[in-house]
Amino acid sequence: MKLIVQILALNEEETLGTAIAAIPRDISGITTVEVLVTDDGSTDRTVEVAHKGGADHILQMPCNVLGAGSCDRRAARPFQTRHQVSVSTPAKQQPDFA
């Protein structure tokens, strides 16, 4: 079973690296953990921080016109398979996987 952790980001260069680092890559019962950062039109260094922070996938929206719900759904589509679980978390809030 694969887990995709999607981080929704809009101008989150200050917190995104910490959010990515907080995601455990070894979870019992999960074969693969991947991080998908969905950038909803950031104008700061969010995408650069995602690359440097170790995100497996980065989806860049051209501008912030979609809103979080639409951005979340559009980003998840290419990654949806029968053998996967996905969760979303904002970059502003540190994920707690305990």
C-alpha atoms as a PDB file:
ATOM      1  CA  MET A   1       0.000   0.000   0.000  1.00  0.00           C
ATOM      2  CA  LYS A   2       1.322   3.418  -0.964  1.00  0.00           C
ATOM      3  CA  LEU A   3       0.647   6.582   1.057  1.00  0.00           C
ATOM      4  CA  ILE A   4       0.652   9.976  -0.644  1.00  0.00           C
ATOM      5  CA  VAL A   5       0.881  12.889   1.780  1.00  0.00           C
ATOM      6  CA  GLN A   6      -0.252  16.023   0.003  1.00  0.00           C
ATOM      7  CA  ILE A   7       0.827  19.370   1.386  1.00  0.00           C
ATOM      8  CA  LEU A   8      -1.221  22.313   0.138  1.00  0.00           C
ATOM      9  CA  ALA A   9       0.957  25.405  -0.037  1.00  0.00           C
ATOM     10  CA  LEU A  10       0.531  29.078  -0.862  1.00  0.00           C
ATOM     11  CA  ASN A  11       3.559  31.223  -0.010  1.00  0.00           C
ATOM     12  CA  GLU A  12       4.804  28.760   2.607  1.00  0.00           C
ATOM     13  CA  GLU A  13       8.582  29.063   2.194  1.00  0.00           C
ATOM     14  CA  GLU A  14       8.971  29.615   5.946  1.00  0.00           C
ATOM     15  CA  THR A  15       7.154  26.461   7.132  1.00  0.00           C
ATOM     16  CA  LEU A  16       7.200  24.017   4.217  1.00  0.00           C
ATOM     17  CA  GLY A  17      10.622  22.474   4.896  1.00  0.00           C
ATOM     18  CA  THR A  18       9.623  21.647   8.459  1.00  0.00           C
ATOM     19  CA  ALA A  19       6.294  20.203   7.306  1.00  0.00           C
ATOM     20  CA  ILE A  20       8.024  17.907   4.783  1.00  0.00           C
ATOM     21  CA  ALA A  21      10.592  16.806   7.362  1.00  0.00           C
ATOM     22  CA  ALA A  22       7.806  15.912   9.840  1.00  0.00           C
ATOM     23  CA  ILE A  23       6.352  13.263   7.523  1.00  0.00           C
ATOM     24  CA  PRO A  24       7.570   9.787   8.479  1.00  0.00           C
ATOM     25  CA  ARG A  25       8.868   7.751   5.534  1.00  0.00           C
ATOM     26  CA  ASP A  26       8.640   4.400   7.325  1.00  0.00           C
ATOM     27  CA  ILE A  27       5.134   3.429   8.484  1.00  0.00           C
ATOM     28  CA  SER A  28       4.059  -0.084   9.410  1.00  0.00           C
ATOM     29  CA  GLY A  29       1.777  -1.559   6.752  1.00  0.00           C
ATOM     30  CA  ILE A  30       2.752   1.070   4.158  1.00  0.00           C
ATOM     31  CA  THR A  31       5.234   0.066   1.447  1.00  0.00           C
ATOM     32  CA  THR A  32       5.933   3.565   0.118  1.00  0.00           C
ATOM     33  CA  VAL A  33       5.410   7.062   1.500  1.00  0.00           C
ATOM     34  CA  GLU A  34       5.573   9.922  -1.009  1.00  0.00           C
ATOM     35  CA  VAL A  35       5.179  13.648  -0.470  1.00  0.00           C
ATOM     36  CA  LEU A  36       3.212  15.711  -2.976  1.00  0.00           C
ATOM     37  CA  VAL A  37       3.435  19.493  -2.593  1.00  0.00           C
ATOM     38  CA  THR A  38       0.639  21.337  -4.357  1.00  0.00           C
ATOM     39  CA  ASP A  39       1.681  24.932  -4.862  1.00  0.00           C
ATOM     40  CA  ASP A  40      -1.408  27.080  -5.423  1.00  0.00           C
ATOM     41  CA  GLY A  41       0.291  29.988  -7.187  1.00  0.00           C
ATOM     42  CA  SER A  42       2.949  31.010  -4.660  1.00  0.00           C
ATOM     43  CA  THR A  43       4.978  34.132  -5.327  1.00  0.00           C
ATOM     44  CA  ASP A  44       7.765  33.293  -2.873  1.00  0.00           C
ATOM     45  CA  ARG A  45      10.326  30.439  -2.759  1.00  0.00           C
ATOM     46  CA  THR A  46       7.783  27.718  -1.891  1.00  0.00           C
ATOM     47  CA  VAL A  47       8.624  25.546  -4.914  1.00  0.00           C
ATOM     48  CA  GLU A  48      12.373  25.848  -4.317  1.00  0.00           C
ATOM     49  CA  VAL A  49      11.905  24.878  -0.659  1.00  0.00           C
ATOM     50  CA  ALA A  50       9.779  21.886  -1.729  1.00  0.00           C
ATOM     51  CA  HIS A  51      12.567  20.669  -4.028  1.00  0.00           C
ATOM     52  CA  LYS A  52      15.268  21.161  -1.394  1.00  0.00           C
ATOM     53  CA  GLY A  53      13.070  19.672   1.344  1.00  0.00           C
ATOM     54  CA  GLY A  54      12.706  16.355  -0.438  1.00  0.00           C
ATOM     55  CA  ALA A  55       9.199  16.460  -1.904  1.00  0.00           C
ATOM     56  CA  ASP A  56       8.714  13.542  -4.295  1.00  0.00           C
ATOM     57  CA  HIS A  57       6.213  15.392  -6.470  1.00  0.00           C
ATOM     58  CA  ILE A  58       5.506  19.093  -6.926  1.00  0.00           C
ATOM     59  CA  LEU A  59       2.425  20.332  -8.731  1.00  0.00           C
ATOM     60  CA  GLN A  60       2.430  24.035  -9.538  1.00  0.00           C
ATOM     61  CA  MET A  61      -0.839  25.796 -10.211  1.00  0.00           C
ATOM     62  CA  PRO A  62      -0.422  28.919 -12.353  1.00  0.00           C
ATOM     63  CA  CYS A  63      -2.149  31.234  -9.885  1.00  0.00           C
ATOM     64  CA  ASN A  64      -4.243  31.178  -6.739  1.00  0.00           C
ATOM     65  CA  VAL A  65      -7.672  31.021  -8.332  1.00  0.00           C
ATOM     66  CA  LEU A  66      -8.756  27.517  -7.428  1.00  0.00           C
ATOM     67  CA  GLY A  67      -9.081  27.620  -3.651  1.00  0.00           C
ATOM     68  CA  ALA A  68      -7.856  24.858  -1.349  1.00  0.00           C
ATOM     69  CA  GLY A  69     -10.637  22.344  -2.070  1.00  0.00           C
ATOM     70  CA  SER A  70     -10.323  22.514  -5.840  1.00  0.00           C
ATOM     71  CA  CYS A  71      -6.544  22.542  -5.640  1.00  0.00           C
ATOM     72  CA  ASP A  72      -6.630  19.455  -3.423  1.00  0.00           C
ATOM     73  CA  ARG A  73      -8.908  17.502  -5.789  1.00  0.00           C
ATOM     74  CA  ARG A  74      -7.042  18.454  -8.987  1.00  0.00           C
ATOM     75  CA  ALA A  75      -3.684  17.550  -7.506  1.00  0.00           C
ATOM     76  CA  ALA A  76      -4.804  14.162  -6.235  1.00  0.00           C
ATOM     77  CA  ARG A  77      -6.245  12.926  -9.566  1.00  0.00           C
ATOM     78  CA  PRO A  78      -2.986  11.833 -11.247  1.00  0.00           C
ATOM     79  CA  PHE A  79      -1.951   9.919  -8.126  1.00  0.00           C
ATOM     80  CA  GLN A  80      -5.177   8.006  -7.478  1.00  0.00           C
ATOM     81  CA  THR A  81      -4.835   4.238  -7.735  1.00  0.00           C
ATOM     82  CA  ARG A  82      -6.561   1.255  -6.164  1.00  0.00           C
ATOM     83  CA  HIS A  83      -3.623   0.500  -3.877  1.00  0.00           C
ATOM     84  CA  GLN A  84      -3.054   3.838  -2.270  1.00  0.00           C
ATOM     85  CA  VAL A  85      -4.118   6.005   0.616  1.00  0.00           C
ATOM     86  CA  SER A  86      -3.781   9.775   0.477  1.00  0.00           C
ATOM     87  CA  VAL A  87      -4.002  12.483   3.126  1.00  0.00           C
ATOM     88  CA  SER A  88      -3.738  16.254   2.866  1.00  0.00           C
ATOM     89  CA  THR A  89      -2.264  18.720   5.308  1.00  0.00           C
ATOM     90  CA  PRO A  90      -1.611  22.455   5.138  1.00  0.00           C
ATOM     91  CA  ALA A  91       1.996  23.621   5.288  1.00  0.00           C
ATOM     92  CA  LYS A  92       1.176  26.150   8.001  1.00  0.00           C
ATOM     93  CA  GLN A  93       0.251  23.415  10.446  1.00  0.00           C
ATOM     94  CA  GLN A  94       2.824  20.768  11.255  1.00  0.00           C
ATOM     95  CA  PRO A  95       1.440  17.288  10.541  1.00  0.00           C
ATOM     96  CA  ASP A  96       1.169  14.966  13.509  1.00  0.00           C
ATOM     97  CA  PHE A  97       1.482  11.332  12.488  1.00  0.00           C
ATOM     98  CA  ALA A  98       1.887   9.987  16.016  1.00  0.00           C
END
